[in-house]
């Protein structure tokens, strides 16, 4: 995606943490059939952000799996994020010490995902949407032994 990184370097994104509602409206209508609270979202378009919630697909969305949320994150939220055009979706699994990154491959469909595993060797996950974001998985998962 040539030029995309340059474009975003000029933009100011906003990082929002849970609990914060993200509304996915049905088209341009006022009807909102889906509301979620991702663990972390980044929006470049300030018109999507309101005091109490955001409306529309974030540019970057991160879900951290837990025993009580993993099924919903993987089975219910995944297709919702895919359908609404989330540009990059990270699924963090603290137990497996992995991060899987999904990006759009076709209209309303994510690719198969890039699985990154923390290991003895240095493993870094970098965002294509948020310039400069690179996470060292060893540091991220340290202390979870």
C-alpha atoms as a PDB file:
ATOM      1  CA  UNK A   1       0.000   0.000   0.000  1.00  0.00           C
ATOM      2  CA  UNK A   2       2.351   2.696  -1.239  1.00  0.00           C
ATOM      3  CA  UNK A   3       1.829   6.138   0.171  1.00  0.00           C
ATOM      4  CA  UNK A   4      -0.489   5.022   2.953  1.00  0.00           C
ATOM      5  CA  UNK A   5       2.189   5.408   5.611  1.00  0.00           C
ATOM      6  CA  UNK A   6       3.001   8.934   4.485  1.00  0.00           C
ATOM      7  CA  UNK A   7      -0.643   9.919   4.595  1.00  0.00           C
ATOM      8  CA  UNK A   8      -1.035   8.741   8.180  1.00  0.00           C
ATOM      9  CA  UNK A   9       2.145  10.426   9.376  1.00  0.00           C
ATOM     10  CA  UNK A  10       0.377  13.711   8.682  1.00  0.00           C
ATOM     11  CA  UNK A  11      -2.769  12.684  10.555  1.00  0.00           C
ATOM     12  CA  UNK A  12      -3.322  12.828  14.263  1.00  0.00           C
ATOM     13  CA  UNK A  13      -4.935   9.665  15.553  1.00  0.00           C
ATOM     14  CA  UNK A  14      -6.817   9.213  18.779  1.00  0.00           C
ATOM     15  CA  UNK A  15      -6.333   6.125  20.954  1.00  0.00           C
ATOM     16  CA  UNK A  16      -9.342   5.071  23.043  1.00  0.00           C
ATOM     17  CA  UNK A  17      -9.393   2.348  25.694  1.00  0.00           C
ATOM     18  CA  UNK A  18     -12.215   0.207  27.093  1.00  0.00           C
ATOM     19  CA  UNK A  19     -14.734   0.814  28.388  1.00  0.00           C
ATOM     20  CA  UNK A  20     -15.674   2.950  25.387  1.00  0.00           C
ATOM     21  CA  UNK A  21     -18.558   2.138  23.057  1.00  0.00           C
ATOM     22  CA  UNK A  22     -17.952   1.804  19.332  1.00  0.00           C
ATOM     23  CA  UNK A  23     -21.174   1.930  17.324  1.00  0.00           C
ATOM     24  CA  UNK A  24     -21.463   0.264  13.933  1.00  0.00           C
ATOM     25  CA  UNK A  25     -24.432   1.878  12.174  1.00  0.00           C
ATOM     26  CA  UNK A  26     -26.341   0.247   9.354  1.00  0.00           C
ATOM     27  CA  UNK A  27     -25.049   2.144   6.328  1.00  0.00           C
ATOM     28  CA  UNK A  28     -25.544   5.899   6.659  1.00  0.00           C
ATOM     29  CA  UNK A  29     -28.701   5.402   8.679  1.00  0.00           C
ATOM     30  CA  UNK A  30     -29.262   6.270  12.326  1.00  0.00           C
ATOM     31  CA  UNK A  31     -30.088   2.638  13.096  1.00  0.00           C
ATOM     32  CA  UNK A  32     -27.249   1.093  15.126  1.00  0.00           C
ATOM     33  CA  UNK A  33     -27.621  -2.691  15.307  1.00  0.00           C
ATOM     34  CA  UNK A  34     -24.168  -3.269  16.836  1.00  0.00           C
ATOM     35  CA  UNK A  35     -22.342  -1.697  19.773  1.00  0.00           C
ATOM     36  CA  UNK A  36     -19.056  -3.137  21.078  1.00  0.00           C
ATOM     37  CA  UNK A  37     -16.377  -2.216  23.607  1.00  0.00           C
ATOM     38  CA  UNK A  38     -13.014  -3.220  22.127  1.00  0.00           C
ATOM     39  CA  UNK A  39      -9.983  -3.166  24.412  1.00  0.00           C
ATOM     40  CA  UNK A  40      -8.221  -0.507  22.327  1.00  0.00           C
ATOM     41  CA  UNK A  41      -9.132   1.447  19.194  1.00  0.00           C
ATOM     42  CA  UNK A  42      -7.417   4.083  17.080  1.00  0.00           C
ATOM     43  CA  UNK A  43      -9.363   6.518  14.923  1.00  0.00           C
ATOM     44  CA  UNK A  44      -7.808   8.897  12.418  1.00  0.00           C
ATOM     45  CA  UNK A  45     -11.149  10.488  11.476  1.00  0.00           C
ATOM     46  CA  UNK A  46     -12.102  12.849  14.336  1.00  0.00           C
ATOM     47  CA  UNK A  47     -15.685  13.124  13.051  1.00  0.00           C
ATOM     48  CA  UNK A  48     -16.259   9.525  14.210  1.00  0.00           C
ATOM     49  CA  UNK A  49     -15.436  10.346  17.842  1.00  0.00           C
ATOM     50  CA  UNK A  50     -17.964  11.698  20.321  1.00  0.00           C
ATOM     51  CA  UNK A  51     -17.714  12.201  24.076  1.00  0.00           C
ATOM     52  CA  UNK A  52     -19.659   9.052  24.971  1.00  0.00           C
ATOM     53  CA  UNK A  53     -18.828   6.824  21.993  1.00  0.00           C
ATOM     54  CA  UNK A  54     -17.427   6.528  18.503  1.00  0.00           C
ATOM     55  CA  UNK A  55     -19.424   5.809  15.376  1.00  0.00           C
ATOM     56  CA  UNK A  56     -17.964   3.739  12.550  1.00  0.00           C
ATOM     57  CA  UNK A  57     -14.980   1.511  11.929  1.00  0.00           C
ATOM     58  CA  UNK A  58     -11.725   2.292  13.726  1.00  0.00           C
ATOM     59  CA  UNK A  59      -8.501   2.291  11.760  1.00  0.00           C
ATOM     60  CA  UNK A  60      -6.852  -0.056  14.283  1.00  0.00           C
ATOM     61  CA  UNK A  61      -8.704  -2.268  16.744  1.00  0.00           C
ATOM     62  CA  UNK A  62      -7.200  -4.538  19.432  1.00  0.00           C
ATOM     63  CA  UNK A  63      -8.973  -7.263  21.394  1.00  0.00           C
ATOM     64  CA  UNK A  64      -7.217  -9.050  24.268  1.00  0.00           C
ATOM     65  CA  UNK A  65      -8.634 -12.534  24.716  1.00  0.00           C
ATOM     66  CA  UNK A  66      -9.802 -13.696  28.112  1.00  0.00           C
ATOM     67  CA  UNK A  67     -11.699 -16.832  29.163  1.00  0.00           C
ATOM     68  CA  UNK A  68     -14.924 -14.845  29.399  1.00  0.00           C
ATOM     69  CA  UNK A  69     -14.574 -12.918  26.117  1.00  0.00           C
ATOM     70  CA  UNK A  70     -12.562 -15.027  23.657  1.00  0.00           C
ATOM     71  CA  UNK A  71     -15.539 -16.780  22.107  1.00  0.00           C
ATOM     72  CA  UNK A  72     -17.352 -13.486  21.515  1.00  0.00           C
ATOM     73  CA  UNK A  73     -14.191 -11.745  20.236  1.00  0.00           C
ATOM     74  CA  UNK A  74     -13.449 -14.497  17.709  1.00  0.00           C
ATOM     75  CA  UNK A  75     -16.938 -15.610  16.652  1.00  0.00           C
ATOM     76  CA  UNK A  76     -19.191 -12.562  16.948  1.00  0.00           C
ATOM     77  CA  UNK A  77     -16.972  -9.502  16.767  1.00  0.00           C
ATOM     78  CA  UNK A  78     -14.628 -10.762  14.038  1.00  0.00           C
ATOM     79  CA  UNK A  79     -17.282 -10.800  11.270  1.00  0.00           C
ATOM     80  CA  UNK A  80     -18.669  -7.484  12.510  1.00  0.00           C
ATOM     81  CA  UNK A  81     -15.254  -5.816  12.251  1.00  0.00           C
ATOM     82  CA  UNK A  82     -14.673  -7.431   8.886  1.00  0.00           C
ATOM     83  CA  UNK A  83     -18.038  -6.303   7.505  1.00  0.00           C
ATOM     84  CA  UNK A  84     -17.655  -2.712   8.668  1.00  0.00           C
ATOM     85  CA  UNK A  85     -14.167  -2.134   7.276  1.00  0.00           C
ATOM     86  CA  UNK A  86     -11.805  -2.125  10.254  1.00  0.00           C
ATOM     87  CA  UNK A  87      -8.422  -1.535   8.602  1.00  0.00           C
ATOM     88  CA  UNK A  88      -6.348  -3.593  11.045  1.00  0.00           C
ATOM     89  CA  UNK A  89      -7.564  -6.000  13.753  1.00  0.00           C
ATOM     90  CA  UNK A  90      -5.155  -7.389  16.350  1.00  0.00           C
ATOM     91  CA  UNK A  91      -6.152 -10.371  18.497  1.00  0.00           C
ATOM     92  CA  UNK A  92      -3.869 -10.722  21.516  1.00  0.00           C
ATOM     93  CA  UNK A  93      -3.840 -14.107  23.242  1.00  0.00           C
ATOM     94  CA  UNK A  94      -1.936 -13.839  26.549  1.00  0.00           C
ATOM     95  CA  UNK A  95      -2.072 -17.623  27.235  1.00  0.00           C
ATOM     96  CA  UNK A  96      -0.641 -18.631  23.865  1.00  0.00           C
ATOM     97  CA  UNK A  97       1.631 -15.565  23.893  1.00  0.00           C
ATOM     98  CA  UNK A  98       0.539 -14.651  20.382  1.00  0.00           C
ATOM     99  CA  UNK A  99      -0.784 -11.732  18.407  1.00  0.00           C
ATOM    100  CA  UNK A 100      -2.710 -12.384  15.214  1.00  0.00           C
ATOM    101  CA  UNK A 101      -3.072  -9.414  12.855  1.00  0.00           C
ATOM    102  CA  UNK A 102      -5.901  -9.299  10.327  1.00  0.00           C
ATOM    103  CA  UNK A 103      -6.121  -6.834   7.454  1.00  0.00           C
ATOM    104  CA  UNK A 104      -8.646  -6.437   4.638  1.00  0.00           C
ATOM    105  CA  UNK A 105      -7.913  -8.696   1.674  1.00  0.00           C
ATOM    106  CA  UNK A 106     -11.100  -8.095  -0.307  1.00  0.00           C
ATOM    107  CA  UNK A 107     -14.222  -6.022   0.199  1.00  0.00           C
ATOM    108  CA  UNK A 108     -15.623  -6.779   3.653  1.00  0.00           C
ATOM    109  CA  UNK A 109     -13.235  -9.719   4.176  1.00  0.00           C
ATOM    110  CA  UNK A 110     -10.084 -10.008   6.245  1.00  0.00           C
ATOM    111  CA  UNK A 111      -7.031 -11.913   5.108  1.00  0.00           C
ATOM    112  CA  UNK A 112      -6.082 -15.182   6.837  1.00  0.00           C
ATOM    113  CA  UNK A 113      -4.134 -13.259   9.462  1.00  0.00           C
ATOM    114  CA  UNK A 114      -0.473 -13.073  10.382  1.00  0.00           C
ATOM    115  CA  UNK A 115       0.291 -15.058  13.526  1.00  0.00           C
ATOM    116  CA  UNK A 116       3.171 -13.724  15.631  1.00  0.00           C
ATOM    117  CA  UNK A 117       4.445 -15.807  18.536  1.00  0.00           C
ATOM    118  CA  UNK A 118       6.613 -14.684  21.425  1.00  0.00           C
ATOM    119  CA  UNK A 119       9.638 -16.922  21.470  1.00  0.00           C
ATOM    120  CA  UNK A 120      13.200 -16.988  22.623  1.00  0.00           C
ATOM    121  CA  UNK A 121      14.168 -14.966  19.555  1.00  0.00           C
ATOM    122  CA  UNK A 122      13.062 -11.369  19.203  1.00  0.00           C
ATOM    123  CA  UNK A 123       9.623 -11.113  17.642  1.00  0.00           C
ATOM    124  CA  UNK A 124       8.133  -7.743  16.825  1.00  0.00           C
ATOM    125  CA  UNK A 125       4.675  -6.984  15.466  1.00  0.00           C
ATOM    126  CA  UNK A 126       4.371  -3.796  13.444  1.00  0.00           C
ATOM    127  CA  UNK A 127       1.245  -1.989  12.355  1.00  0.00           C
ATOM    128  CA  UNK A 128       0.727  -0.961   8.747  1.00  0.00           C
ATOM    129  CA  UNK A 129      -1.982   1.470   9.814  1.00  0.00           C
ATOM    130  CA  UNK A 130      -0.325   3.250  12.734  1.00  0.00           C
ATOM    131  CA  UNK A 131       3.142   4.355  11.644  1.00  0.00           C
ATOM    132  CA  UNK A 132       5.789   3.702  14.249  1.00  0.00           C
ATOM    133  CA  UNK A 133       3.782   1.167  16.241  1.00  0.00           C
ATOM    134  CA  UNK A 134       5.927  -1.912  16.783  1.00  0.00           C
ATOM    135  CA  UNK A 135       5.396  -4.183  19.771  1.00  0.00           C
ATOM    136  CA  UNK A 136       8.105  -6.474  21.134  1.00  0.00           C
ATOM    137  CA  UNK A 137       6.174  -9.611  22.071  1.00  0.00           C
ATOM    138  CA  UNK A 138       8.803 -10.733  24.584  1.00  0.00           C
ATOM    139  CA  UNK A 139       8.314  -7.488  26.499  1.00  0.00           C
ATOM    140  CA  UNK A 140       4.534  -7.555  26.025  1.00  0.00           C
ATOM    141  CA  UNK A 141       4.162 -11.017  27.516  1.00  0.00           C
ATOM    142  CA  UNK A 142       6.946 -10.835  30.108  1.00  0.00           C
ATOM    143  CA  UNK A 143       5.727 -11.761  33.566  1.00  0.00           C
ATOM    144  CA  UNK A 144       2.968 -14.036  32.255  1.00  0.00           C
ATOM    145  CA  UNK A 145       4.954 -17.217  32.782  1.00  0.00           C
END
